Amino acid sequence: SCGVVLGASIFPAFRVVLREGSIQSRRAIVSHLFSVYRAAFREISIGYSRYMARFGTVRKLLM
């Protein structure tokens, strides 16, 4: 699932930040995390809109 992927990508990143401590690596990791979050958010929103569309169709059939 998305949450597991996010967790798995975040923890090593933070470990690297703590070890490296340089501003450059921090910036790279932040931008990487941001892109990961954005991709996950897009997937979630697409799934949600598909689910709502399906739910709307079912509701029309039931009404």
C-alpha atoms as a PDB file:
ATOM      1  CA  SER A   1       0.000   0.000   0.000  1.00  0.00           C
ATOM      2  CA  CYS A   2       0.968   3.665  -0.339  1.00  0.00           C
ATOM      3  CA  GLY A   3       1.545   4.206   3.373  1.00  0.00           C
ATOM      4  CA  VAL A   4       4.065   1.371   3.599  1.00  0.00           C
ATOM      5  CA  VAL A   5       5.963   2.697   0.590  1.00  0.00           C
ATOM      6  CA  LEU A   6       6.057   6.209   2.076  1.00  0.00           C
ATOM      7  CA  GLY A   7       7.264   4.907   5.432  1.00  0.00           C
ATOM      8  CA  ALA A   8       9.928   2.738   3.805  1.00  0.00           C
ATOM      9  CA  SER A   9      11.244   5.675   1.765  1.00  0.00           C
ATOM     10  CA  ILE A  10      11.144   8.218   4.609  1.00  0.00           C
ATOM     11  CA  PHE A  11      13.063   6.396   7.347  1.00  0.00           C
ATOM     12  CA  PRO A  12      16.279   5.703   5.371  1.00  0.00           C
ATOM     13  CA  ALA A  13      16.131   9.279   4.096  1.00  0.00           C
ATOM     14  CA  PHE A  14      16.067  10.700   7.616  1.00  0.00           C
ATOM     15  CA  ARG A  15      18.899   8.386   8.652  1.00  0.00           C
ATOM     16  CA  VAL A  16      20.967   9.739   5.767  1.00  0.00           C
ATOM     17  CA  VAL A  17      20.113  13.320   6.765  1.00  0.00           C
ATOM     18  CA  LEU A  18      21.285  12.695  10.326  1.00  0.00           C
ATOM     19  CA  ARG A  19      24.514  11.043   9.172  1.00  0.00           C
ATOM     20  CA  GLU A  20      25.396  13.426   6.359  1.00  0.00           C
ATOM     21  CA  GLY A  21      24.139  16.615   7.972  1.00  0.00           C
ATOM     22  CA  SER A  22      25.041  18.663   4.911  1.00  0.00           C
ATOM     23  CA  ILE A  23      22.581  21.204   3.539  1.00  0.00           C
ATOM     24  CA  GLN A  24      22.929  19.859  -0.002  1.00  0.00           C
ATOM     25  CA  SER A  25      21.934  16.298   0.898  1.00  0.00           C
ATOM     26  CA  ARG A  26      19.085  17.624   3.024  1.00  0.00           C
ATOM     27  CA  ARG A  27      17.745  19.600   0.086  1.00  0.00           C
ATOM     28  CA  ALA A  28      18.022  16.581  -2.224  1.00  0.00           C
ATOM     29  CA  ILE A  29      16.171  14.373   0.247  1.00  0.00           C
ATOM     30  CA  VAL A  30      13.436  16.940   0.832  1.00  0.00           C
ATOM     31  CA  SER A  31      12.832  17.278  -2.910  1.00  0.00           C
ATOM     32  CA  HIS A  32      12.833  13.478  -3.273  1.00  0.00           C
ATOM     33  CA  LEU A  33      10.306  13.083  -0.462  1.00  0.00           C
ATOM     34  CA  PHE A  34       8.180  15.844  -1.953  1.00  0.00           C
ATOM     35  CA  SER A  35       8.039  14.069  -5.329  1.00  0.00           C
ATOM     36  CA  VAL A  36       7.198  10.766  -3.603  1.00  0.00           C
ATOM     37  CA  TYR A  37       4.409  12.417  -1.617  1.00  0.00           C
ATOM     38  CA  ARG A  38       3.065  14.168  -4.727  1.00  0.00           C
ATOM     39  CA  ALA A  39       2.959  10.895  -6.678  1.00  0.00           C
ATOM     40  CA  ALA A  40       1.217   9.101  -3.800  1.00  0.00           C
ATOM     41  CA  PHE A  41      -1.264  11.951  -3.393  1.00  0.00           C
ATOM     42  CA  ARG A  42      -2.085  11.846  -7.123  1.00  0.00           C
ATOM     43  CA  GLU A  43      -2.657   8.077  -6.953  1.00  0.00           C
ATOM     44  CA  ILE A  44      -4.899   8.463  -3.914  1.00  0.00           C
ATOM     45  CA  SER A  45      -6.939  11.277  -5.477  1.00  0.00           C
ATOM     46  CA  ILE A  46      -7.371   9.338  -8.752  1.00  0.00           C
ATOM     47  CA  GLY A  47      -8.485   6.262  -6.802  1.00  0.00           C
ATOM     48  CA  TYR A  48     -10.845   8.381  -4.719  1.00  0.00           C
ATOM     49  CA  SER A  49     -12.477  10.031  -7.741  1.00  0.00           C
ATOM     50  CA  ARG A  50     -12.884   6.620  -9.419  1.00  0.00           C
ATOM     51  CA  TYR A  51     -14.441   5.250  -6.247  1.00  0.00           C
ATOM     52  CA  MET A  52     -16.826   8.206  -6.002  1.00  0.00           C
ATOM     53  CA  ALA A  53     -17.830   7.827  -9.650  1.00  0.00           C
ATOM     54  CA  ARG A  54     -18.567   4.138  -9.097  1.00  0.00           C
ATOM     55  CA  PHE A  55     -20.466   4.970  -5.915  1.00  0.00           C
ATOM     56  CA  GLY A  56     -22.526   7.581  -7.800  1.00  0.00           C
ATOM     57  CA  THR A  57     -23.436   5.017 -10.463  1.00  0.00           C
ATOM     58  CA  VAL A  58     -24.486   2.493  -7.827  1.00  0.00           C
ATOM     59  CA  ARG A  59     -26.547   5.147  -6.047  1.00  0.00           C
ATOM     60  CA  LYS A  60     -28.336   6.043  -9.299  1.00  0.00           C
ATOM     61  CA  LEU A  61     -29.180   2.381  -9.858  1.00  0.00           C
ATOM     62  CA  LEU A  62     -30.524   2.029  -6.317  1.00  0.00           C
ATOM     63  CA  MET A  63     -32.624   5.209  -6.434  1.00  0.00           C
END
